[in-house]
């Protein structure tokens, strides 16, 4: 299997990479983290980022609803959180499905 381009590798595996950072998983991410997300979304032509890797009490949003955190800790090792899903509809609306942690509706 081919390796990714060299310029992508450091950004993918570094401590602040999207794979490893937990900056967006805290209750109120720092403004500069949200600014970086905004810049990345603009560059990608996207309107939101969906992340996991840091367990939350339920699916929730941060950074003016541009970041959706969906890791609800389903495994027994992480507390066996209630199953939830995030539905992003064709019209751009976002709905949380499932129970626990304020599920249902488009919270934020």
PDB file of N, CA and C in Angstrom:
ATOM      1  N   UNK A   1       0.852  -1.185   0.000  1.00  0.00           N
ATOM      2  CA  UNK A   1       0.000   0.000   0.000  1.00  0.00           C
ATOM      3  C   UNK A   1       0.892   1.240   0.000  1.00  0.00           C
ATOM      4  N   UNK A   2       0.635   2.207  -0.880  1.00  0.00           N
ATOM      5  CA  UNK A   2       1.497   3.390  -0.962  1.00  0.00           C
ATOM      6  C   UNK A   2       1.366   4.267   0.281  1.00  0.00           C
ATOM      7  N   UNK A   3       2.456   4.929   0.637  1.00  0.00           N
ATOM      8  CA  UNK A   3       2.450   5.870   1.751  1.00  0.00           C
ATOM      9  C   UNK A   3       1.823   7.182   1.313  1.00  0.00           C
ATOM     10  N   UNK A   4       1.236   7.939   2.268  1.00  0.00           N
ATOM     11  CA  UNK A   4       0.693   9.248   1.897  1.00  0.00           C
ATOM     12  C   UNK A   4       1.823  10.191   1.499  1.00  0.00           C
ATOM     13  N   UNK A   5       1.497  11.264   0.791  1.00  0.00           N
ATOM     14  CA  UNK A   5       2.532  12.230   0.419  1.00  0.00           C
ATOM     15  C   UNK A   5       3.288  12.708   1.655  1.00  0.00           C
ATOM     16  N   UNK A   6       4.605  12.935   1.540  1.00  0.00           N
ATOM     17  CA  UNK A   6       5.421  13.321   2.698  1.00  0.00           C
ATOM     18  C   UNK A   6       4.905  14.535   3.458  1.00  0.00           C
ATOM     19  N   UNK A   7       4.319  15.500   2.772  1.00  0.00           N
ATOM     20  CA  UNK A   7       3.837  16.690   3.463  1.00  0.00           C
ATOM     21  C   UNK A   7       2.630  16.403   4.343  1.00  0.00           C
ATOM     22  N   UNK A   8       1.885  15.373   4.033  1.00  0.00           N
ATOM     23  CA  UNK A   8       0.715  15.039   4.836  1.00  0.00           C
ATOM     24  C   UNK A   8       1.075  14.241   6.079  1.00  0.00           C
ATOM     25  N   UNK A   9       2.109  13.441   6.011  1.00  0.00           N
ATOM     26  CA  UNK A   9       2.433  12.549   7.113  1.00  0.00           C
ATOM     27  C   UNK A   9       2.670  13.273   8.432  1.00  0.00           C
ATOM     28  N   UNK A  10       3.520  14.303   8.521  1.00  0.00           N
ATOM     29  CA  UNK A  10       3.714  14.963   9.817  1.00  0.00           C
ATOM     30  C   UNK A  10       2.427  15.551  10.381  1.00  0.00           C
ATOM     31  N   UNK A  11       1.590  16.119   9.531  1.00  0.00           N
ATOM     32  CA  UNK A  11       0.354  16.708  10.032  1.00  0.00           C
ATOM     33  C   UNK A  11      -0.646  15.646  10.453  1.00  0.00           C
ATOM     34  N   UNK A  12      -0.487  14.429   9.963  1.00  0.00           N
ATOM     35  CA  UNK A  12      -1.416  13.357  10.319  1.00  0.00           C
ATOM     36  C   UNK A  12      -1.028  12.636  11.596  1.00  0.00           C
ATOM     37  N   UNK A  13       0.247  12.647  11.953  1.00  0.00           N
ATOM     38  CA  UNK A  13       0.669  11.857  13.112  1.00  0.00           C
ATOM     39  C   UNK A  13       1.220  12.698  14.253  1.00  0.00           C
ATOM     40  N   UNK A  14       1.358  13.991  14.092  1.00  0.00           N
ATOM     41  CA  UNK A  14       1.875  14.843  15.154  1.00  0.00           C
ATOM     42  C   UNK A  14       0.896  14.962  16.313  1.00  0.00           C
ATOM     43  N   UNK A  15       1.371  15.479  17.437  1.00  0.00           N
ATOM     44  CA  UNK A  15       0.553  15.604  18.642  1.00  0.00           C
ATOM     45  C   UNK A  15      -0.674  16.470  18.486  1.00  0.00           C
ATOM     46  N   UNK A  16      -0.662  17.411  17.548  1.00  0.00           N
ATOM     47  CA  UNK A  16      -1.824  18.265  17.322  1.00  0.00           C
ATOM     48  C   UNK A  16      -2.585  17.861  16.066  1.00  0.00           C
ATOM     49  N   UNK A  17      -2.299  16.672  15.553  1.00  0.00           N
ATOM     50  CA  UNK A  17      -2.981  16.233  14.337  1.00  0.00           C
ATOM     51  C   UNK A  17      -4.448  15.943  14.637  1.00  0.00           C
ATOM     52  N   UNK A  18      -5.290  15.945  13.617  1.00  0.00           N
ATOM     53  CA  UNK A  18      -6.692  15.598  13.827  1.00  0.00           C
ATOM     54  C   UNK A  18      -6.872  14.205  14.425  1.00  0.00           C
ATOM     55  N   UNK A  19      -5.891  13.336  14.229  1.00  0.00           N
ATOM     56  CA  UNK A  19      -5.996  11.974  14.754  1.00  0.00           C
ATOM     57  C   UNK A  19      -5.772  11.931  16.262  1.00  0.00           C
ATOM     58  N   UNK A  20      -4.896  12.789  16.790  1.00  0.00           N
ATOM     59  CA  UNK A  20      -4.503  12.676  18.196  1.00  0.00           C
ATOM     60  C   UNK A  20      -4.944  13.810  19.103  1.00  0.00           C
ATOM     61  N   UNK A  21      -5.182  14.981  18.595  1.00  0.00           N
ATOM     62  CA  UNK A  21      -5.491  16.096  19.484  1.00  0.00           C
ATOM     63  C   UNK A  21      -6.815  15.891  20.209  1.00  0.00           C
ATOM     64  N   UNK A  22      -6.869  16.392  21.420  1.00  0.00           N
ATOM     65  CA  UNK A  22      -8.114  16.383  22.188  1.00  0.00           C
ATOM     66  C   UNK A  22      -8.586  17.809  22.458  1.00  0.00           C
ATOM     67  N   UNK A  23      -7.990  18.765  21.770  1.00  0.00           N
ATOM     68  CA  UNK A  23      -8.317  20.173  21.984  1.00  0.00           C
ATOM     69  C   UNK A  23      -9.791  20.476  21.759  1.00  0.00           C
ATOM     70  N   UNK A  24     -10.419  19.753  20.860  1.00  0.00           N
ATOM     71  CA  UNK A  24     -11.823  20.014  20.555  1.00  0.00           C
ATOM     72  C   UNK A  24     -12.768  19.204  21.429  1.00  0.00           C
ATOM     73  N   UNK A  25     -12.220  18.352  22.311  1.00  0.00           N
ATOM     74  CA  UNK A  25     -13.051  17.502  23.153  1.00  0.00           C
ATOM     75  C   UNK A  25     -13.369  18.086  24.509  1.00  0.00           C
ATOM     76  N   UNK A  26     -12.752  19.210  24.859  1.00  0.00           N
ATOM     77  CA  UNK A  26     -13.009  19.836  26.157  1.00  0.00           C
ATOM     78  C   UNK A  26     -14.313  20.617  26.104  1.00  0.00           C
ATOM     79  N   UNK A  27     -14.867  20.923  27.284  1.00  0.00           N
ATOM     80  CA  UNK A  27     -16.176  21.577  27.350  1.00  0.00           C
ATOM     81  C   UNK A  27     -16.246  22.839  26.489  1.00  0.00           C
ATOM     82  N   UNK A  28     -15.237  23.692  26.596  1.00  0.00           N
ATOM     83  CA  UNK A  28     -15.212  24.930  25.811  1.00  0.00           C
ATOM     84  C   UNK A  28     -13.848  25.053  25.140  1.00  0.00           C
ATOM     85  N   UNK A  29     -13.724  24.568  23.906  1.00  0.00           N
ATOM     86  CA  UNK A  29     -12.433  24.651  23.214  1.00  0.00           C
ATOM     87  C   UNK A  29     -11.935  26.094  23.127  1.00  0.00           C
ATOM     88  N   UNK A  30     -10.624  26.252  23.173  1.00  0.00           N
ATOM     89  CA  UNK A  30     -10.016  27.582  23.063  1.00  0.00           C
ATOM     90  C   UNK A  30     -10.396  28.224  21.736  1.00  0.00           C
ATOM     91  N   UNK A  31     -10.491  29.538  21.758  1.00  0.00           N
ATOM     92  CA  UNK A  31     -10.863  30.269  20.549  1.00  0.00           C
ATOM     93  C   UNK A  31      -9.947  30.006  19.375  1.00  0.00           C
ATOM     94  N   UNK A  32      -8.635  29.850  19.648  1.00  0.00           N
ATOM     95  CA  UNK A  32      -7.728  29.613  18.523  1.00  0.00           C
ATOM     96  C   UNK A  32      -7.957  28.242  17.903  1.00  0.00           C
ATOM     97  N   UNK A  33      -8.368  27.251  18.704  1.00  0.00           N
ATOM     98  CA  UNK A  33      -8.684  25.926  18.151  1.00  0.00           C
ATOM     99  C   UNK A  33      -9.903  26.031  17.235  1.00  0.00           C
ATOM    100  N   UNK A  34     -10.898  26.791  17.670  1.00  0.00           N
ATOM    101  CA  UNK A  34     -12.091  26.979  16.842  1.00  0.00           C
ATOM    102  C   UNK A  34     -11.757  27.762  15.574  1.00  0.00           C
ATOM    103  N   UNK A  35     -10.861  28.741  15.694  1.00  0.00           N
ATOM    104  CA  UNK A  35     -10.435  29.498  14.511  1.00  0.00           C
ATOM    105  C   UNK A  35      -9.743  28.588  13.500  1.00  0.00           C
ATOM    106  N   UNK A  36      -8.897  27.677  14.005  1.00  0.00           N
ATOM    107  CA  UNK A  36      -8.212  26.731  13.113  1.00  0.00           C
ATOM    108  C   UNK A  36      -9.211  25.837  12.403  1.00  0.00           C
ATOM    109  N   UNK A  37     -10.232  25.389  13.135  1.00  0.00           N
ATOM    110  CA  UNK A  37     -11.273  24.569  12.518  1.00  0.00           C
ATOM    111  C   UNK A  37     -11.968  25.365  11.422  1.00  0.00           C
ATOM    112  N   UNK A  38     -12.308  26.607  11.710  1.00  0.00           N
ATOM    113  CA  UNK A  38     -12.962  27.444  10.712  1.00  0.00           C
ATOM    114  C   UNK A  38     -12.129  27.591   9.453  1.00  0.00           C
ATOM    115  N   UNK A  39     -10.834  27.808   9.620  1.00  0.00           N
ATOM    116  CA  UNK A  39      -9.935  27.937   8.465  1.00  0.00           C
ATOM    117  C   UNK A  39      -9.869  26.640   7.669  1.00  0.00           C
ATOM    118  N   UNK A  40      -9.774  25.519   8.381  1.00  0.00           N
ATOM    119  CA  UNK A  40      -9.706  24.217   7.705  1.00  0.00           C
ATOM    120  C   UNK A  40     -11.001  23.926   6.956  1.00  0.00           C
ATOM    121  N   UNK A  41     -12.134  24.213   7.584  1.00  0.00           N
ATOM    122  CA  UNK A  41     -13.418  23.970   6.925  1.00  0.00           C
ATOM    123  C   UNK A  41     -13.548  24.823   5.664  1.00  0.00           C
ATOM    124  N   UNK A  42     -13.132  26.069   5.758  1.00  0.00           N
ATOM    125  CA  UNK A  42     -13.176  26.948   4.586  1.00  0.00           C
ATOM    126  C   UNK A  42     -12.303  26.398   3.466  1.00  0.00           C
ATOM    127  N   UNK A  43     -11.096  25.981   3.812  1.00  0.00           N
ATOM    128  CA  UNK A  43     -10.171  25.442   2.805  1.00  0.00           C
ATOM    129  C   UNK A  43     -10.723  24.188   2.143  1.00  0.00           C
ATOM    130  N   UNK A  44     -11.486  23.408   2.906  1.00  0.00           N
ATOM    131  CA  UNK A  44     -12.042  22.161   2.383  1.00  0.00           C
ATOM    132  C   UNK A  44     -13.421  22.340   1.754  1.00  0.00           C
ATOM    133  N   UNK A  45     -13.998  23.520   1.885  1.00  0.00           N
ATOM    134  CA  UNK A  45     -15.344  23.742   1.374  1.00  0.00           C
ATOM    135  C   UNK A  45     -16.383  22.986   2.174  1.00  0.00           C
ATOM    136  N   UNK A  46     -16.126  22.813   3.468  1.00  0.00           N
ATOM    137  CA  UNK A  46     -17.029  22.064   4.349  1.00  0.00           C
ATOM    138  C   UNK A  46     -17.644  23.010   5.376  1.00  0.00           C
ATOM    139  N   UNK A  47     -18.722  22.582   6.002  1.00  0.00           N
ATOM    140  CA  UNK A  47     -19.374  23.434   6.993  1.00  0.00           C
ATOM    141  C   UNK A  47     -19.271  22.903   8.411  1.00  0.00           C
ATOM    142  N   UNK A  48     -18.881  21.639   8.567  1.00  0.00           N
ATOM    143  CA  UNK A  48     -18.754  21.095   9.924  1.00  0.00           C
ATOM    144  C   UNK A  48     -17.728  19.983   9.947  1.00  0.00           C
ATOM    145  N   UNK A  49     -17.240  19.699  11.152  1.00  0.00           N
ATOM    146  CA  UNK A  49     -16.279  18.631  11.399  1.00  0.00           C
ATOM    147  C   UNK A  49     -16.883  17.721  12.453  1.00  0.00           C
ATOM    148  N   UNK A  50     -16.903  16.430  12.197  1.00  0.00           N
ATOM    149  CA  UNK A  50     -17.420  15.454  13.155  1.00  0.00           C
ATOM    150  C   UNK A  50     -16.228  14.691  13.711  1.00  0.00           C
ATOM    151  N   UNK A  51     -16.098  14.679  15.041  1.00  0.00           N
ATOM    152  CA  UNK A  51     -14.940  14.064  15.683  1.00  0.00           C
ATOM    153  C   UNK A  51     -15.353  13.056  16.748  1.00  0.00           C
ATOM    154  N   UNK A  52     -14.430  12.140  17.026  1.00  0.00           N
ATOM    155  CA  UNK A  52     -14.560  11.188  18.121  1.00  0.00           C
ATOM    156  C   UNK A  52     -13.297  11.257  18.953  1.00  0.00           C
ATOM    157  N   UNK A  53     -12.922  10.159  19.566  1.00  0.00           N
ATOM    158  CA  UNK A  53     -11.648   9.996  20.273  1.00  0.00           C
ATOM    159  C   UNK A  53     -11.636  10.559  21.690  1.00  0.00           C
ATOM    160  N   UNK A  54     -12.589  11.402  22.065  1.00  0.00           N
ATOM    161  CA  UNK A  54     -12.690  11.907  23.429  1.00  0.00           C
ATOM    162  C   UNK A  54     -14.134  11.734  23.862  1.00  0.00           C
ATOM    163  N   UNK A  55     -14.356  10.836  24.825  1.00  0.00           N
ATOM    164  CA  UNK A  55     -15.713  10.480  25.248  1.00  0.00           C
ATOM    165  C   UNK A  55     -16.450  11.700  25.802  1.00  0.00           C
ATOM    166  N   UNK A  56     -17.687  11.844  25.369  1.00  0.00           N
ATOM    167  CA  UNK A  56     -18.588  12.903  25.826  1.00  0.00           C
ATOM    168  C   UNK A  56     -19.782  12.259  26.523  1.00  0.00           C
ATOM    169  N   UNK A  57     -20.556  13.042  27.277  1.00  0.00           N
ATOM    170  CA  UNK A  57     -21.750  12.508  27.936  1.00  0.00           C
ATOM    171  C   UNK A  57     -22.893  12.315  26.955  1.00  0.00           C
ATOM    172  N   UNK A  58     -22.768  12.805  25.798  1.00  0.00           N
ATOM    173  CA  UNK A  58     -23.744  12.653  24.734  1.00  0.00           C
ATOM    174  C   UNK A  58     -23.235  13.433  23.538  1.00  0.00           C
ATOM    175  N   UNK A  59     -23.771  13.150  22.382  1.00  0.00           N
ATOM    176  CA  UNK A  59     -23.373  13.902  21.191  1.00  0.00           C
ATOM    177  C   UNK A  59     -23.629  15.384  21.454  1.00  0.00           C
ATOM    178  N   UNK A  60     -22.653  16.212  21.139  1.00  0.00           N
ATOM    179  CA  UNK A  60     -22.792  17.642  21.373  1.00  0.00           C
ATOM    180  C   UNK A  60     -21.944  18.417  20.373  1.00  0.00           C
ATOM    181  N   UNK A  61     -22.154  19.716  20.355  1.00  0.00           N
ATOM    182  CA  UNK A  61     -21.455  20.582  19.403  1.00  0.00           C
ATOM    183  C   UNK A  61     -20.601  21.608  20.132  1.00  0.00           C
ATOM    184  N   UNK A  62     -19.604  22.122  19.420  1.00  0.00           N
ATOM    185  CA  UNK A  62     -18.731  23.182  19.925  1.00  0.00           C
ATOM    186  C   UNK A  62     -18.386  24.097  18.758  1.00  0.00           C
ATOM    187  N   UNK A  63     -17.692  25.166  19.068  1.00  0.00           N
ATOM    188  CA  UNK A  63     -17.213  26.092  18.028  1.00  0.00           C
ATOM    189  C   UNK A  63     -18.364  26.554  17.130  1.00  0.00           C
ATOM    190  N   UNK A  64     -19.421  27.073  17.768  1.00  0.00           N
ATOM    191  CA  UNK A  64     -20.586  27.570  17.024  1.00  0.00           C
ATOM    192  C   UNK A  64     -21.191  26.508  16.114  1.00  0.00           C
ATOM    193  N   UNK A  65     -21.261  25.282  16.625  1.00  0.00           N
ATOM    194  CA  UNK A  65     -21.873  24.139  15.925  1.00  0.00           C
ATOM    195  C   UNK A  65     -21.111  23.741  14.664  1.00  0.00           C
ATOM    196  N   UNK A  66     -19.853  24.151  14.555  1.00  0.00           N
ATOM    197  CA  UNK A  66     -19.022  23.718  13.434  1.00  0.00           C
ATOM    198  C   UNK A  66     -18.340  22.396  13.745  1.00  0.00           C
ATOM    199  N   UNK A  67     -18.205  22.070  15.036  1.00  0.00           N
ATOM    200  CA  UNK A  67     -17.597  20.813  15.473  1.00  0.00           C
ATOM    201  C   UNK A  67     -18.647  20.005  16.218  1.00  0.00           C
ATOM    202  N   UNK A  68     -18.846  18.762  15.766  1.00  0.00           N
ATOM    203  CA  UNK A  68     -19.769  17.848  16.441  1.00  0.00           C
ATOM    204  C   UNK A  68     -18.958  16.712  17.034  1.00  0.00           C
ATOM    205  N   UNK A  69     -19.138  16.475  18.352  1.00  0.00           N
ATOM    206  CA  UNK A  69     -18.376  15.450  19.077  1.00  0.00           C
ATOM    207  C   UNK A  69     -19.303  14.264  19.319  1.00  0.00           C
ATOM    208  N   UNK A  70     -18.943  13.118  18.751  1.00  0.00           N
ATOM    209  CA  UNK A  70     -19.881  11.993  18.728  1.00  0.00           C
ATOM    210  C   UNK A  70     -19.427  10.769  19.507  1.00  0.00           C
ATOM    211  N   UNK A  71     -18.292  10.832  20.201  1.00  0.00           N
ATOM    212  CA  UNK A  71     -17.820   9.663  20.957  1.00  0.00           C
ATOM    213  C   UNK A  71     -18.579   9.606  22.275  1.00  0.00           C
ATOM    214  N   UNK A  72     -19.532   8.679  22.382  1.00  0.00           N
ATOM    215  CA  UNK A  72     -20.349   8.561  23.587  1.00  0.00           C
ATOM    216  C   UNK A  72     -19.903   7.401  24.471  1.00  0.00           C
ATOM    217  N   UNK A  73     -18.730   6.838  24.214  1.00  0.00           N
ATOM    218  CA  UNK A  73     -18.182   5.782  25.067  1.00  0.00           C
ATOM    219  C   UNK A  73     -19.021   4.523  25.085  1.00  0.00           C
ATOM    220  N   UNK A  74     -19.345   3.989  23.924  1.00  0.00           N
ATOM    221  CA  UNK A  74     -20.197   2.801  23.840  1.00  0.00           C
ATOM    222  C   UNK A  74     -19.590   1.560  24.482  1.00  0.00           C
ATOM    223  N   UNK A  75     -18.281   1.401  24.421  1.00  0.00           N
ATOM    224  CA  UNK A  75     -17.679   0.167  24.937  1.00  0.00           C
ATOM    225  C   UNK A  75     -17.796   0.100  26.458  1.00  0.00           C
ATOM    226  N   UNK A  76     -17.858  -1.112  26.981  1.00  0.00           N
ATOM    227  CA  UNK A  76     -17.912  -1.289  28.440  1.00  0.00           C
ATOM    228  C   UNK A  76     -16.696  -0.664  29.098  1.00  0.00           C
ATOM    229  N   UNK A  77     -15.544  -0.741  28.438  1.00  0.00           N
ATOM    230  CA  UNK A  77     -14.315  -0.180  29.005  1.00  0.00           C
ATOM    231  C   UNK A  77     -14.414   1.336  29.186  1.00  0.00           C
ATOM    232  N   UNK A  78     -15.267   1.976  28.430  1.00  0.00           N
ATOM    233  CA  UNK A  78     -15.406   3.433  28.505  1.00  0.00           C
ATOM    234  C   UNK A  78     -16.705   3.855  29.175  1.00  0.00           C
ATOM    235  N   UNK A  79     -17.396   2.941  29.812  1.00  0.00           N
ATOM    236  CA  UNK A  79     -18.598   3.298  30.552  1.00  0.00           C
ATOM    237  C   UNK A  79     -19.900   2.839  29.940  1.00  0.00           C
ATOM    238  N   UNK A  80     -19.857   2.253  28.760  1.00  0.00           N
ATOM    239  CA  UNK A  80     -21.070   1.715  28.145  1.00  0.00           C
ATOM    240  C   UNK A  80     -22.138   2.765  27.892  1.00  0.00           C
ATOM    241  N   UNK A  81     -21.771   3.862  27.266  1.00  0.00           N
ATOM    242  CA  UNK A  81     -22.719   4.937  26.982  1.00  0.00           C
ATOM    243  C   UNK A  81     -23.878   4.475  26.109  1.00  0.00           C
ATOM    244  N   UNK A  82     -24.969   5.229  26.179  1.00  0.00           N
ATOM    245  CA  UNK A  82     -26.155   4.909  25.385  1.00  0.00           C
ATOM    246  C   UNK A  82     -25.869   5.138  23.900  1.00  0.00           C
ATOM    247  N   UNK A  83     -26.342   4.233  23.028  1.00  0.00           N
ATOM    248  CA  UNK A  83     -26.129   4.423  21.586  1.00  0.00           C
ATOM    249  C   UNK A  83     -26.772   5.724  21.102  1.00  0.00           C
ATOM    250  N   UNK A  84     -26.045   6.440  20.285  1.00  0.00           N
ATOM    251  CA  UNK A  84     -26.537   7.673  19.688  1.00  0.00           C
ATOM    252  C   UNK A  84     -25.988   7.773  18.272  1.00  0.00           C
ATOM    253  N   UNK A  85     -26.633   8.585  17.477  1.00  0.00           N
ATOM    254  CA  UNK A  85     -26.161   8.829  16.112  1.00  0.00           C
ATOM    255  C   UNK A  85     -26.394  10.293  15.779  1.00  0.00           C
ATOM    256  N   UNK A  86     -25.613  10.790  14.857  1.00  0.00           N
ATOM    257  CA  UNK A  86     -25.767  12.154  14.373  1.00  0.00           C
ATOM    258  C   UNK A  86     -26.253  12.069  12.934  1.00  0.00           C
ATOM    259  N   UNK A  87     -27.395  12.667  12.668  1.00  0.00           N
ATOM    260  CA  UNK A  87     -27.933  12.688  11.309  1.00  0.00           C
ATOM    261  C   UNK A  87     -27.723  14.085  10.725  1.00  0.00           C
ATOM    262  N   UNK A  88     -27.017  14.138   9.609  1.00  0.00           N
ATOM    263  CA  UNK A  88     -26.835  15.393   8.887  1.00  0.00           C
ATOM    264  C   UNK A  88     -27.725  15.291   7.656  1.00  0.00           C
ATOM    265  N   UNK A  89     -28.747  16.102   7.619  1.00  0.00           N
ATOM    266  CA  UNK A  89     -29.746  16.014   6.556  1.00  0.00           C
ATOM    267  C   UNK A  89     -29.337  16.805   5.324  1.00  0.00           C
ATOM    268  N   UNK A  90     -29.964  16.471   4.213  1.00  0.00           N
ATOM    269  CA  UNK A  90     -29.650  17.133   2.936  1.00  0.00           C
ATOM    270  C   UNK A  90     -29.804  18.648   3.012  1.00  0.00           C
ATOM    271  N   UNK A  91     -30.736  19.116   3.838  1.00  0.00           N
ATOM    272  CA  UNK A  91     -30.942  20.565   3.950  1.00  0.00           C
ATOM    273  C   UNK A  91     -29.917  21.231   4.865  1.00  0.00           C
ATOM    274  N   UNK A  92     -28.973  20.443   5.394  1.00  0.00           N
ATOM    275  CA  UNK A  92     -27.924  20.982   6.252  1.00  0.00           C
ATOM    276  C   UNK A  92     -28.242  20.940   7.725  1.00  0.00           C
ATOM    277  N   UNK A  93     -29.483  20.597   8.073  1.00  0.00           N
ATOM    278  CA  UNK A  93     -29.818  20.516   9.492  1.00  0.00           C
ATOM    279  C   UNK A  93     -29.158  19.292  10.116  1.00  0.00           C
ATOM    280  N   UNK A  94     -28.947  19.364  11.417  1.00  0.00           N
ATOM    281  CA  UNK A  94     -28.268  18.306  12.155  1.00  0.00           C
ATOM    282  C   UNK A  94     -29.173  17.868  13.291  1.00  0.00           C
ATOM    283  N   UNK A  95     -29.364  16.549  13.433  1.00  0.00           N
ATOM    284  CA  UNK A  95     -30.231  16.005  14.469  1.00  0.00           C
ATOM    285  C   UNK A  95     -29.494  14.898  15.203  1.00  0.00           C
ATOM    286  N   UNK A  96     -29.560  14.932  16.546  1.00  0.00           N
ATOM    287  CA  UNK A  96     -29.012  13.839  17.354  1.00  0.00           C
ATOM    288  C   UNK A  96     -30.103  12.800  17.545  1.00  0.00           C
ATOM    289  N   UNK A  97     -29.743  11.540  17.357  1.00  0.00           N
ATOM    290  CA  UNK A  97     -30.684  10.439  17.523  1.00  0.00           C
ATOM    291  C   UNK A  97     -30.207   9.548  18.657  1.00  0.00           C
ATOM    292  N   UNK A  98     -31.122   9.071  19.471  1.00  0.00           N
ATOM    293  CA  UNK A  98     -30.743   8.160  20.539  1.00  0.00           C
ATOM    294  C   UNK A  98     -30.896   8.805  21.896  1.00  0.00           C
ATOM    295  N   UNK A  99     -30.554   8.007  22.930  1.00  0.00           N
ATOM    296  CA  UNK A  99     -30.775   8.466  24.291  1.00  0.00           C
ATOM    297  C   UNK A  99     -29.516   8.846  25.021  1.00  0.00           C
ATOM    298  N   UNK A 100     -29.717   9.394  26.199  1.00  0.00           N
ATOM    299  CA  UNK A 100     -28.615   9.747  27.086  1.00  0.00           C
ATOM    300  C   UNK A 100     -27.971  11.056  26.703  1.00  0.00           C
ATOM    301  N   UNK A 101     -27.455  11.746  27.700  1.00  0.00           N
ATOM    302  CA  UNK A 101     -26.679  12.955  27.474  1.00  0.00           C
ATOM    303  C   UNK A 101     -27.388  14.030  26.672  1.00  0.00           C
ATOM    304  N   UNK A 102     -28.727  14.121  26.821  1.00  0.00           N
ATOM    305  CA  UNK A 102     -29.450  15.170  26.120  1.00  0.00           C
ATOM    306  C   UNK A 102     -29.728  14.858  24.674  1.00  0.00           C
ATOM    307  N   UNK A 103     -29.817  13.570  24.311  1.00  0.00           N
ATOM    308  CA  UNK A 103     -30.049  13.176  22.931  1.00  0.00           C
ATOM    309  C   UNK A 103     -31.327  13.756  22.374  1.00  0.00           C
ATOM    310  N   UNK A 104     -31.536  13.600  21.089  1.00  0.00           N
ATOM    311  CA  UNK A 104     -32.714  14.138  20.430  1.00  0.00           C
ATOM    312  C   UNK A 104     -32.555  15.622  20.161  1.00  0.00           C
ATOM    313  N   UNK A 105     -33.091  16.093  19.083  1.00  0.00           N
ATOM    314  CA  UNK A 105     -32.985  17.501  18.741  1.00  0.00           C
ATOM    315  C   UNK A 105     -31.599  17.881  18.272  1.00  0.00           C
ATOM    316  N   UNK A 106     -31.461  19.095  17.858  1.00  0.00           N
ATOM    317  CA  UNK A 106     -30.170  19.567  17.354  1.00  0.00           C
ATOM    318  C   UNK A 106     -29.545  20.480  18.387  1.00  0.00           C
ATOM    319  N   UNK A 107     -28.947  19.903  19.402  1.00  0.00           N
ATOM    320  CA  UNK A 107     -28.346  20.680  20.486  1.00  0.00           C
ATOM    321  C   UNK A 107     -27.041  21.292  20.079  1.00  0.00           C
ATOM    322  N   UNK A 108     -26.424  21.956  21.040  1.00  0.00           N
ATOM    323  CA  UNK A 108     -25.190  22.523  20.634  1.00  0.00           C
ATOM    324  C   UNK A 108     -24.457  23.147  21.730  1.00  0.00           C
TER     325      UNK A 108
END
